[in-house]
N, C-alpha and C. Protein backbone atom coordinates (compact mmCIF):
# COMPACT_ATOMS: atom_id res chain seq x y z
N UNK A 1 -12.83 -77.64 -63.70
CA UNK A 1 -12.98 -76.56 -64.67
C UNK A 1 -11.91 -76.71 -65.74
N UNK A 2 -12.33 -76.64 -66.99
CA UNK A 2 -11.39 -76.75 -68.10
C UNK A 2 -10.68 -75.43 -68.33
N UNK A 3 -9.58 -75.50 -69.07
CA UNK A 3 -8.81 -74.29 -69.35
C UNK A 3 -9.63 -73.31 -70.19
N UNK A 4 -10.45 -73.82 -71.09
CA UNK A 4 -11.29 -72.97 -71.92
C UNK A 4 -12.34 -72.25 -71.09
N UNK A 5 -12.96 -72.96 -70.14
CA UNK A 5 -13.96 -72.34 -69.26
C UNK A 5 -13.31 -71.26 -68.40
N UNK A 6 -12.11 -71.54 -67.89
CA UNK A 6 -11.38 -70.57 -67.07
C UNK A 6 -11.04 -69.33 -67.89
N UNK A 7 -10.62 -69.55 -69.14
CA UNK A 7 -10.28 -68.43 -70.03
C UNK A 7 -11.51 -67.55 -70.28
N UNK A 8 -12.66 -68.17 -70.53
CA UNK A 8 -13.89 -67.42 -70.79
C UNK A 8 -14.34 -66.68 -69.54
N UNK A 9 -14.26 -67.34 -68.39
CA UNK A 9 -14.67 -66.71 -67.14
C UNK A 9 -13.79 -65.50 -66.82
N UNK A 10 -12.47 -65.63 -67.01
CA UNK A 10 -11.54 -64.53 -66.76
C UNK A 10 -11.82 -63.38 -67.71
N UNK A 11 -12.08 -63.67 -68.96
CA UNK A 11 -12.40 -62.63 -69.94
C UNK A 11 -13.69 -61.90 -69.55
N UNK A 12 -14.69 -62.65 -69.08
CA UNK A 12 -15.95 -62.04 -68.67
C UNK A 12 -15.76 -61.13 -67.45
N UNK A 13 -14.97 -61.58 -66.48
CA UNK A 13 -14.67 -60.76 -65.30
C UNK A 13 -13.95 -59.49 -65.72
N UNK A 14 -13.00 -59.63 -66.66
CA UNK A 14 -12.25 -58.48 -67.15
C UNK A 14 -13.18 -57.46 -67.83
N UNK A 15 -14.11 -57.94 -68.63
CA UNK A 15 -15.05 -57.04 -69.30
C UNK A 15 -15.99 -56.37 -68.30
N UNK A 16 -16.47 -57.15 -67.31
CA UNK A 16 -17.43 -56.62 -66.34
C UNK A 16 -16.82 -55.58 -65.42
N UNK A 17 -15.63 -55.84 -64.89
CA UNK A 17 -15.04 -54.97 -63.87
C UNK A 17 -14.04 -53.96 -64.41
N UNK A 18 -13.39 -54.26 -65.53
CA UNK A 18 -12.36 -53.37 -66.06
C UNK A 18 -12.76 -52.72 -67.39
N UNK A 19 -13.79 -53.26 -68.05
CA UNK A 19 -14.23 -52.72 -69.33
C UNK A 19 -13.27 -53.00 -70.46
N UNK A 20 -12.37 -53.97 -70.26
CA UNK A 20 -11.36 -54.31 -71.27
C UNK A 20 -11.29 -55.82 -71.39
N UNK A 21 -11.01 -56.34 -72.58
CA UNK A 21 -10.91 -57.80 -72.72
C UNK A 21 -9.58 -58.32 -72.18
N UNK A 22 -9.58 -59.57 -71.80
CA UNK A 22 -8.36 -60.27 -71.40
C UNK A 22 -7.94 -61.13 -72.58
N UNK A 23 -6.84 -60.75 -73.24
CA UNK A 23 -6.44 -61.41 -74.48
C UNK A 23 -5.38 -62.48 -74.31
N UNK A 24 -4.80 -62.60 -73.12
CA UNK A 24 -3.70 -63.53 -72.93
C UNK A 24 -4.16 -64.80 -72.22
N UNK A 25 -3.19 -65.61 -71.73
CA UNK A 25 -3.51 -66.92 -71.15
C UNK A 25 -3.71 -66.87 -69.65
N UNK A 26 -4.59 -67.72 -69.18
CA UNK A 26 -4.78 -67.95 -67.75
C UNK A 26 -4.79 -69.47 -67.55
N UNK A 27 -4.02 -69.94 -66.57
CA UNK A 27 -3.92 -71.38 -66.33
C UNK A 27 -4.01 -71.66 -64.83
N UNK A 28 -4.36 -72.89 -64.50
CA UNK A 28 -4.29 -73.34 -63.11
C UNK A 28 -2.97 -74.06 -62.95
N UNK A 29 -2.17 -73.58 -62.01
CA UNK A 29 -0.86 -74.15 -61.74
C UNK A 29 -0.94 -74.94 -60.43
N UNK A 30 -0.90 -76.27 -60.49
CA UNK A 30 -1.03 -77.07 -59.26
C UNK A 30 0.18 -76.98 -58.33
N UNK A 31 1.28 -76.38 -58.81
CA UNK A 31 2.47 -76.27 -57.97
C UNK A 31 2.45 -75.05 -57.05
N UNK A 32 1.51 -74.12 -57.24
CA UNK A 32 1.42 -72.96 -56.35
C UNK A 32 0.97 -73.43 -54.97
N UNK A 33 1.68 -72.99 -53.94
CA UNK A 33 1.37 -73.46 -52.59
C UNK A 33 1.06 -72.32 -51.63
N UNK A 34 1.79 -71.22 -51.73
CA UNK A 34 1.67 -70.16 -50.73
C UNK A 34 0.89 -68.95 -51.22
N UNK A 35 0.34 -69.00 -52.41
CA UNK A 35 -0.35 -67.84 -52.95
C UNK A 35 -1.58 -68.29 -53.74
N UNK A 36 -2.53 -67.39 -53.88
CA UNK A 36 -3.74 -67.70 -54.63
C UNK A 36 -3.53 -67.63 -56.14
N UNK A 37 -2.58 -66.81 -56.55
CA UNK A 37 -2.30 -66.66 -57.98
C UNK A 37 -1.11 -65.75 -58.19
N UNK A 38 -0.68 -65.67 -59.44
CA UNK A 38 0.41 -64.76 -59.77
C UNK A 38 0.31 -64.37 -61.23
N UNK A 39 0.80 -63.16 -61.52
CA UNK A 39 0.86 -62.67 -62.89
C UNK A 39 2.33 -62.62 -63.28
N UNK A 40 2.67 -63.23 -64.42
CA UNK A 40 4.04 -63.24 -64.92
C UNK A 40 4.13 -62.25 -66.08
N UNK A 41 4.69 -61.06 -65.84
CA UNK A 41 4.71 -60.01 -66.87
C UNK A 41 5.47 -60.38 -68.13
N UNK A 42 6.58 -61.11 -68.01
CA UNK A 42 7.38 -61.42 -69.19
C UNK A 42 6.64 -62.33 -70.17
N UNK A 43 5.78 -63.21 -69.64
CA UNK A 43 5.01 -64.12 -70.49
C UNK A 43 3.56 -63.67 -70.66
N UNK A 44 3.14 -62.69 -69.87
CA UNK A 44 1.75 -62.20 -69.84
C UNK A 44 0.78 -63.36 -69.59
N UNK A 45 1.08 -64.14 -68.55
CA UNK A 45 0.26 -65.28 -68.15
C UNK A 45 -0.19 -65.07 -66.71
N UNK A 46 -1.44 -65.41 -66.43
CA UNK A 46 -1.93 -65.45 -65.06
C UNK A 46 -2.01 -66.91 -64.64
N UNK A 47 -1.35 -67.23 -63.53
CA UNK A 47 -1.40 -68.59 -62.98
C UNK A 47 -2.22 -68.54 -61.70
N UNK A 48 -3.12 -69.50 -61.53
CA UNK A 48 -4.01 -69.52 -60.38
C UNK A 48 -3.86 -70.83 -59.61
N UNK A 49 -4.07 -70.76 -58.31
CA UNK A 49 -4.01 -71.93 -57.44
C UNK A 49 -5.40 -72.56 -57.40
N UNK A 50 -5.54 -73.75 -57.98
CA UNK A 50 -6.82 -74.43 -58.07
C UNK A 50 -7.41 -74.84 -56.74
N UNK A 51 -6.58 -74.94 -55.69
CA UNK A 51 -7.09 -75.32 -54.37
C UNK A 51 -8.10 -74.30 -53.85
N UNK A 52 -7.92 -73.03 -54.21
CA UNK A 52 -8.83 -71.99 -53.73
C UNK A 52 -10.24 -72.18 -54.29
N UNK A 53 -10.34 -72.62 -55.53
CA UNK A 53 -11.64 -72.89 -56.12
C UNK A 53 -12.30 -74.09 -55.44
N UNK A 54 -11.52 -75.12 -55.18
CA UNK A 54 -12.06 -76.34 -54.57
C UNK A 54 -12.45 -76.15 -53.11
N UNK A 55 -11.63 -75.41 -52.35
CA UNK A 55 -11.84 -75.30 -50.91
C UNK A 55 -12.66 -74.09 -50.48
N UNK A 56 -12.54 -72.96 -51.18
CA UNK A 56 -13.23 -71.75 -50.75
C UNK A 56 -14.32 -71.28 -51.70
N UNK A 57 -14.43 -71.88 -52.86
CA UNK A 57 -15.54 -71.58 -53.76
C UNK A 57 -15.26 -70.50 -54.79
N UNK A 58 -16.29 -70.28 -55.63
CA UNK A 58 -16.15 -69.38 -56.77
C UNK A 58 -15.99 -67.92 -56.37
N UNK A 59 -16.62 -67.50 -55.28
CA UNK A 59 -16.55 -66.10 -54.87
C UNK A 59 -15.11 -65.69 -54.54
N UNK A 60 -14.44 -66.49 -53.74
CA UNK A 60 -13.04 -66.20 -53.38
C UNK A 60 -12.14 -66.30 -54.61
N UNK A 61 -12.39 -67.29 -55.45
CA UNK A 61 -11.58 -67.49 -56.66
C UNK A 61 -11.76 -66.31 -57.62
N UNK A 62 -12.96 -65.78 -57.71
CA UNK A 62 -13.21 -64.61 -58.55
C UNK A 62 -12.43 -63.40 -58.03
N UNK A 63 -12.34 -63.27 -56.71
CA UNK A 63 -11.55 -62.19 -56.12
C UNK A 63 -10.08 -62.31 -56.48
N UNK A 64 -9.56 -63.52 -56.49
CA UNK A 64 -8.16 -63.74 -56.87
C UNK A 64 -7.94 -63.39 -58.34
N UNK A 65 -8.90 -63.78 -59.18
CA UNK A 65 -8.79 -63.45 -60.61
C UNK A 65 -8.80 -61.93 -60.80
N UNK A 66 -9.68 -61.23 -60.09
CA UNK A 66 -9.74 -59.76 -60.20
C UNK A 66 -8.42 -59.13 -59.75
N UNK A 67 -7.84 -59.66 -58.67
CA UNK A 67 -6.56 -59.14 -58.18
C UNK A 67 -5.47 -59.29 -59.25
N UNK A 68 -5.41 -60.46 -59.86
CA UNK A 68 -4.39 -60.70 -60.89
C UNK A 68 -4.67 -59.87 -62.15
N UNK A 69 -5.93 -59.64 -62.45
CA UNK A 69 -6.28 -58.77 -63.59
C UNK A 69 -5.86 -57.33 -63.34
N UNK A 70 -5.85 -56.89 -62.08
CA UNK A 70 -5.34 -55.56 -61.77
C UNK A 70 -3.86 -55.46 -62.15
N UNK A 71 -3.08 -56.48 -61.79
CA UNK A 71 -1.66 -56.51 -62.20
C UNK A 71 -1.57 -56.48 -63.72
N UNK A 72 -2.36 -57.30 -64.38
CA UNK A 72 -2.31 -57.46 -65.83
C UNK A 72 -2.62 -56.14 -66.56
N UNK A 73 -3.76 -55.53 -66.24
CA UNK A 73 -4.17 -54.34 -66.98
C UNK A 73 -3.24 -53.15 -66.73
N UNK A 74 -2.74 -53.01 -65.49
CA UNK A 74 -1.79 -51.92 -65.22
C UNK A 74 -0.48 -52.16 -65.97
N UNK A 75 -0.04 -53.40 -66.07
CA UNK A 75 1.19 -53.72 -66.80
C UNK A 75 1.02 -53.39 -68.29
N UNK A 76 -0.12 -53.76 -68.85
CA UNK A 76 -0.39 -53.51 -70.27
C UNK A 76 -0.39 -52.00 -70.56
N UNK A 77 -0.93 -51.22 -69.60
CA UNK A 77 -1.02 -49.77 -69.79
C UNK A 77 0.29 -49.05 -69.47
N UNK A 78 1.28 -49.78 -68.96
CA UNK A 78 2.57 -49.18 -68.64
C UNK A 78 2.58 -48.44 -67.32
N UNK A 79 1.66 -48.75 -66.43
CA UNK A 79 1.58 -48.10 -65.12
C UNK A 79 2.18 -49.02 -64.06
N UNK A 80 2.27 -48.51 -62.84
CA UNK A 80 2.83 -49.29 -61.73
C UNK A 80 1.91 -50.43 -61.35
N UNK A 81 2.36 -51.66 -61.49
CA UNK A 81 1.51 -52.82 -61.23
C UNK A 81 1.97 -53.64 -60.03
N UNK A 82 2.94 -53.14 -59.27
CA UNK A 82 3.42 -53.86 -58.08
C UNK A 82 2.50 -53.59 -56.90
N UNK A 83 2.58 -54.44 -55.88
CA UNK A 83 1.69 -54.32 -54.72
C UNK A 83 1.82 -52.98 -54.00
N UNK A 84 2.99 -52.39 -54.01
CA UNK A 84 3.20 -51.14 -53.29
C UNK A 84 2.83 -49.89 -54.07
N UNK A 85 2.55 -50.00 -55.36
CA UNK A 85 2.26 -48.83 -56.19
C UNK A 85 0.87 -48.27 -55.89
N UNK A 86 0.78 -46.94 -55.87
CA UNK A 86 -0.48 -46.26 -55.59
C UNK A 86 -1.54 -46.62 -56.65
N UNK A 87 -1.15 -46.68 -57.92
CA UNK A 87 -2.10 -46.99 -58.99
C UNK A 87 -2.72 -48.37 -58.78
N UNK A 88 -1.90 -49.33 -58.33
CA UNK A 88 -2.39 -50.69 -58.08
C UNK A 88 -3.41 -50.69 -56.94
N UNK A 89 -3.08 -50.00 -55.85
CA UNK A 89 -3.99 -49.96 -54.70
C UNK A 89 -5.30 -49.27 -55.06
N UNK A 90 -5.23 -48.22 -55.87
CA UNK A 90 -6.44 -47.52 -56.30
C UNK A 90 -7.33 -48.41 -57.17
N UNK A 91 -6.71 -49.16 -58.08
CA UNK A 91 -7.48 -50.05 -58.95
C UNK A 91 -8.11 -51.19 -58.16
N UNK A 92 -7.42 -51.68 -57.13
CA UNK A 92 -8.00 -52.72 -56.27
C UNK A 92 -9.28 -52.19 -55.61
N UNK A 93 -9.22 -50.97 -55.09
CA UNK A 93 -10.41 -50.39 -54.44
C UNK A 93 -11.53 -50.16 -55.44
N UNK A 94 -11.18 -49.66 -56.61
CA UNK A 94 -12.17 -49.34 -57.64
C UNK A 94 -12.93 -50.58 -58.10
N UNK A 95 -12.22 -51.72 -58.23
CA UNK A 95 -12.85 -52.94 -58.73
C UNK A 95 -13.35 -53.86 -57.61
N UNK A 96 -13.08 -53.49 -56.35
CA UNK A 96 -13.50 -54.33 -55.24
C UNK A 96 -12.72 -55.62 -55.14
N UNK A 97 -11.47 -55.58 -55.54
CA UNK A 97 -10.60 -56.77 -55.51
C UNK A 97 -9.93 -56.87 -54.15
N UNK A 98 -9.71 -58.09 -53.66
CA UNK A 98 -9.02 -58.24 -52.37
C UNK A 98 -7.53 -58.00 -52.51
N UNK A 99 -6.93 -57.45 -51.45
CA UNK A 99 -5.47 -57.23 -51.47
C UNK A 99 -4.75 -58.54 -51.16
N UNK A 100 -5.32 -59.33 -50.27
CA UNK A 100 -4.75 -60.62 -49.89
C UNK A 100 -5.84 -61.68 -50.00
N UNK A 101 -5.46 -62.93 -50.17
CA UNK A 101 -6.44 -64.00 -50.18
C UNK A 101 -6.48 -64.67 -48.81
N UNK A 102 -7.62 -65.26 -48.51
CA UNK A 102 -7.79 -65.94 -47.23
C UNK A 102 -6.90 -67.18 -47.18
N UNK A 103 -6.51 -67.59 -45.97
CA UNK A 103 -5.74 -68.84 -45.88
C UNK A 103 -6.62 -70.04 -46.19
N UNK A 104 -6.03 -71.04 -46.79
CA UNK A 104 -6.77 -72.25 -47.13
C UNK A 104 -7.11 -73.04 -45.86
N UNK A 105 -8.33 -73.59 -45.78
CA UNK A 105 -8.69 -74.40 -44.62
C UNK A 105 -7.75 -75.59 -44.42
N UNK A 106 -7.26 -76.17 -45.51
CA UNK A 106 -6.35 -77.31 -45.39
C UNK A 106 -5.01 -76.90 -44.78
N UNK A 107 -4.60 -75.62 -44.96
CA UNK A 107 -3.35 -75.14 -44.36
C UNK A 107 -3.54 -74.79 -42.89
N UNK A 108 -4.74 -74.31 -42.52
CA UNK A 108 -5.01 -73.94 -41.13
C UNK A 108 -4.99 -75.17 -40.24
N UNK A 109 -5.48 -76.30 -40.76
CA UNK A 109 -5.51 -77.53 -39.98
C UNK A 109 -4.11 -77.99 -39.60
N UNK A 110 -3.13 -77.71 -40.44
CA UNK A 110 -1.77 -78.14 -40.20
C UNK A 110 -1.02 -77.19 -39.27
N UNK A 111 -1.60 -76.04 -38.96
CA UNK A 111 -0.92 -75.02 -38.17
C UNK A 111 -0.73 -75.46 -36.72
N UNK A 112 0.33 -74.94 -36.12
CA UNK A 112 0.61 -75.17 -34.71
C UNK A 112 0.43 -73.83 -34.00
N UNK A 113 -0.32 -73.82 -32.92
CA UNK A 113 -0.59 -72.59 -32.19
C UNK A 113 0.19 -72.56 -30.88
N UNK A 114 0.75 -71.39 -30.58
CA UNK A 114 1.46 -71.15 -29.33
C UNK A 114 0.80 -69.97 -28.64
N UNK A 115 0.78 -69.99 -27.31
CA UNK A 115 0.17 -68.92 -26.53
C UNK A 115 1.14 -68.47 -25.44
N UNK A 116 1.22 -67.15 -25.25
CA UNK A 116 2.06 -66.59 -24.20
C UNK A 116 1.37 -66.81 -22.86
N UNK A 117 2.13 -67.29 -21.86
CA UNK A 117 1.55 -67.55 -20.55
C UNK A 117 1.32 -66.25 -19.76
N UNK A 118 1.99 -65.16 -20.14
CA UNK A 118 1.84 -63.89 -19.42
C UNK A 118 0.74 -63.00 -20.00
N UNK A 119 0.82 -62.67 -21.30
CA UNK A 119 -0.13 -61.71 -21.88
C UNK A 119 -1.24 -62.36 -22.69
N UNK A 120 -1.12 -63.65 -23.03
CA UNK A 120 -2.17 -64.34 -23.76
C UNK A 120 -2.09 -64.20 -25.27
N UNK A 121 -1.05 -63.57 -25.79
CA UNK A 121 -0.86 -63.41 -27.24
C UNK A 121 -0.73 -64.79 -27.88
N UNK A 122 -1.45 -65.01 -29.00
CA UNK A 122 -1.36 -66.29 -29.69
C UNK A 122 -0.54 -66.13 -30.98
N UNK A 123 0.16 -67.19 -31.32
CA UNK A 123 0.99 -67.23 -32.52
C UNK A 123 0.65 -68.48 -33.31
N UNK A 124 0.49 -68.33 -34.61
CA UNK A 124 0.21 -69.44 -35.51
C UNK A 124 1.47 -69.71 -36.32
N UNK A 125 1.95 -70.92 -36.32
CA UNK A 125 3.16 -71.28 -37.03
C UNK A 125 2.94 -72.55 -37.86
N UNK A 126 3.69 -72.66 -38.94
CA UNK A 126 3.64 -73.87 -39.76
C UNK A 126 4.61 -74.92 -39.24
N UNK A 127 5.67 -74.48 -38.60
CA UNK A 127 6.68 -75.39 -38.06
C UNK A 127 6.75 -75.27 -36.54
N UNK A 128 7.21 -76.33 -35.91
CA UNK A 128 7.41 -76.29 -34.46
C UNK A 128 8.54 -75.31 -34.14
N UNK A 129 8.42 -74.67 -32.97
CA UNK A 129 9.50 -73.81 -32.50
C UNK A 129 9.98 -74.31 -31.14
N UNK A 130 11.19 -73.98 -30.80
CA UNK A 130 11.78 -74.36 -29.53
C UNK A 130 11.31 -73.35 -28.48
N UNK A 131 10.40 -73.76 -27.60
CA UNK A 131 9.81 -72.83 -26.63
C UNK A 131 10.78 -72.46 -25.51
N UNK A 132 11.88 -73.20 -25.36
CA UNK A 132 12.88 -72.79 -24.37
C UNK A 132 13.80 -71.71 -24.92
N UNK A 133 13.86 -71.61 -26.22
CA UNK A 133 14.75 -70.63 -26.86
C UNK A 133 14.00 -69.34 -27.24
N UNK A 134 12.74 -69.47 -27.68
CA UNK A 134 11.98 -68.31 -28.15
C UNK A 134 10.95 -67.88 -27.12
N UNK A 135 10.74 -66.57 -27.05
CA UNK A 135 9.79 -65.99 -26.11
C UNK A 135 8.78 -65.13 -26.86
N UNK A 136 7.79 -64.65 -26.17
CA UNK A 136 6.76 -63.79 -26.75
C UNK A 136 7.39 -62.49 -27.25
N UNK A 137 7.02 -62.08 -28.45
CA UNK A 137 7.55 -60.85 -29.02
C UNK A 137 6.91 -59.60 -28.44
N UNK A 138 5.83 -59.78 -27.73
CA UNK A 138 5.10 -58.64 -27.17
C UNK A 138 5.59 -58.29 -25.76
N UNK A 139 5.74 -59.35 -24.91
CA UNK A 139 6.07 -59.08 -23.51
C UNK A 139 7.27 -59.87 -22.99
N UNK A 140 7.88 -60.68 -23.83
CA UNK A 140 9.01 -61.54 -23.48
C UNK A 140 8.64 -62.67 -22.52
N UNK A 141 7.34 -63.04 -22.48
CA UNK A 141 6.88 -64.12 -21.63
C UNK A 141 7.14 -65.48 -22.26
N UNK A 142 6.91 -66.54 -21.47
CA UNK A 142 7.10 -67.92 -21.97
C UNK A 142 5.98 -68.31 -22.92
N UNK A 143 6.33 -69.11 -23.93
CA UNK A 143 5.36 -69.62 -24.89
C UNK A 143 5.00 -71.05 -24.53
N UNK A 144 3.72 -71.37 -24.73
CA UNK A 144 3.25 -72.72 -24.46
C UNK A 144 2.45 -73.20 -25.67
N UNK A 145 2.68 -74.43 -26.09
CA UNK A 145 1.96 -75.01 -27.23
C UNK A 145 0.52 -75.30 -26.81
N UNK A 146 -0.42 -74.96 -27.70
CA UNK A 146 -1.84 -75.19 -27.40
C UNK A 146 -2.31 -76.49 -27.97
């Protein structure tokens, strides 16, 4: 997807769901790793993680764009645009935007799973943990790598 196509698509989503045009820049930032996108208020730029479009498709990517547009439009209007603000949460519900994005399938494959031998609680981690040092947070049982 070209930058011009992304700009037009974002503007169309903004008009459809918010009734307002998107006049600033939207770019795909290949360096984003842990998030689907971000809005930078000082520059009024929306940066998106292109992996979400490639791995999860247009529907999930559109949800990320809508989420970032919620930050954008509330910032422009001078209202609370942070994740914890009531106005932000209300606008997310009104537009049907997701609060969080799904994990990428490529990240899930790299995950390491641990299971408690006593209660069966499972834990997903990106890094290995020392199972002799750490125990289950629920019941203090032993952890075993799956």
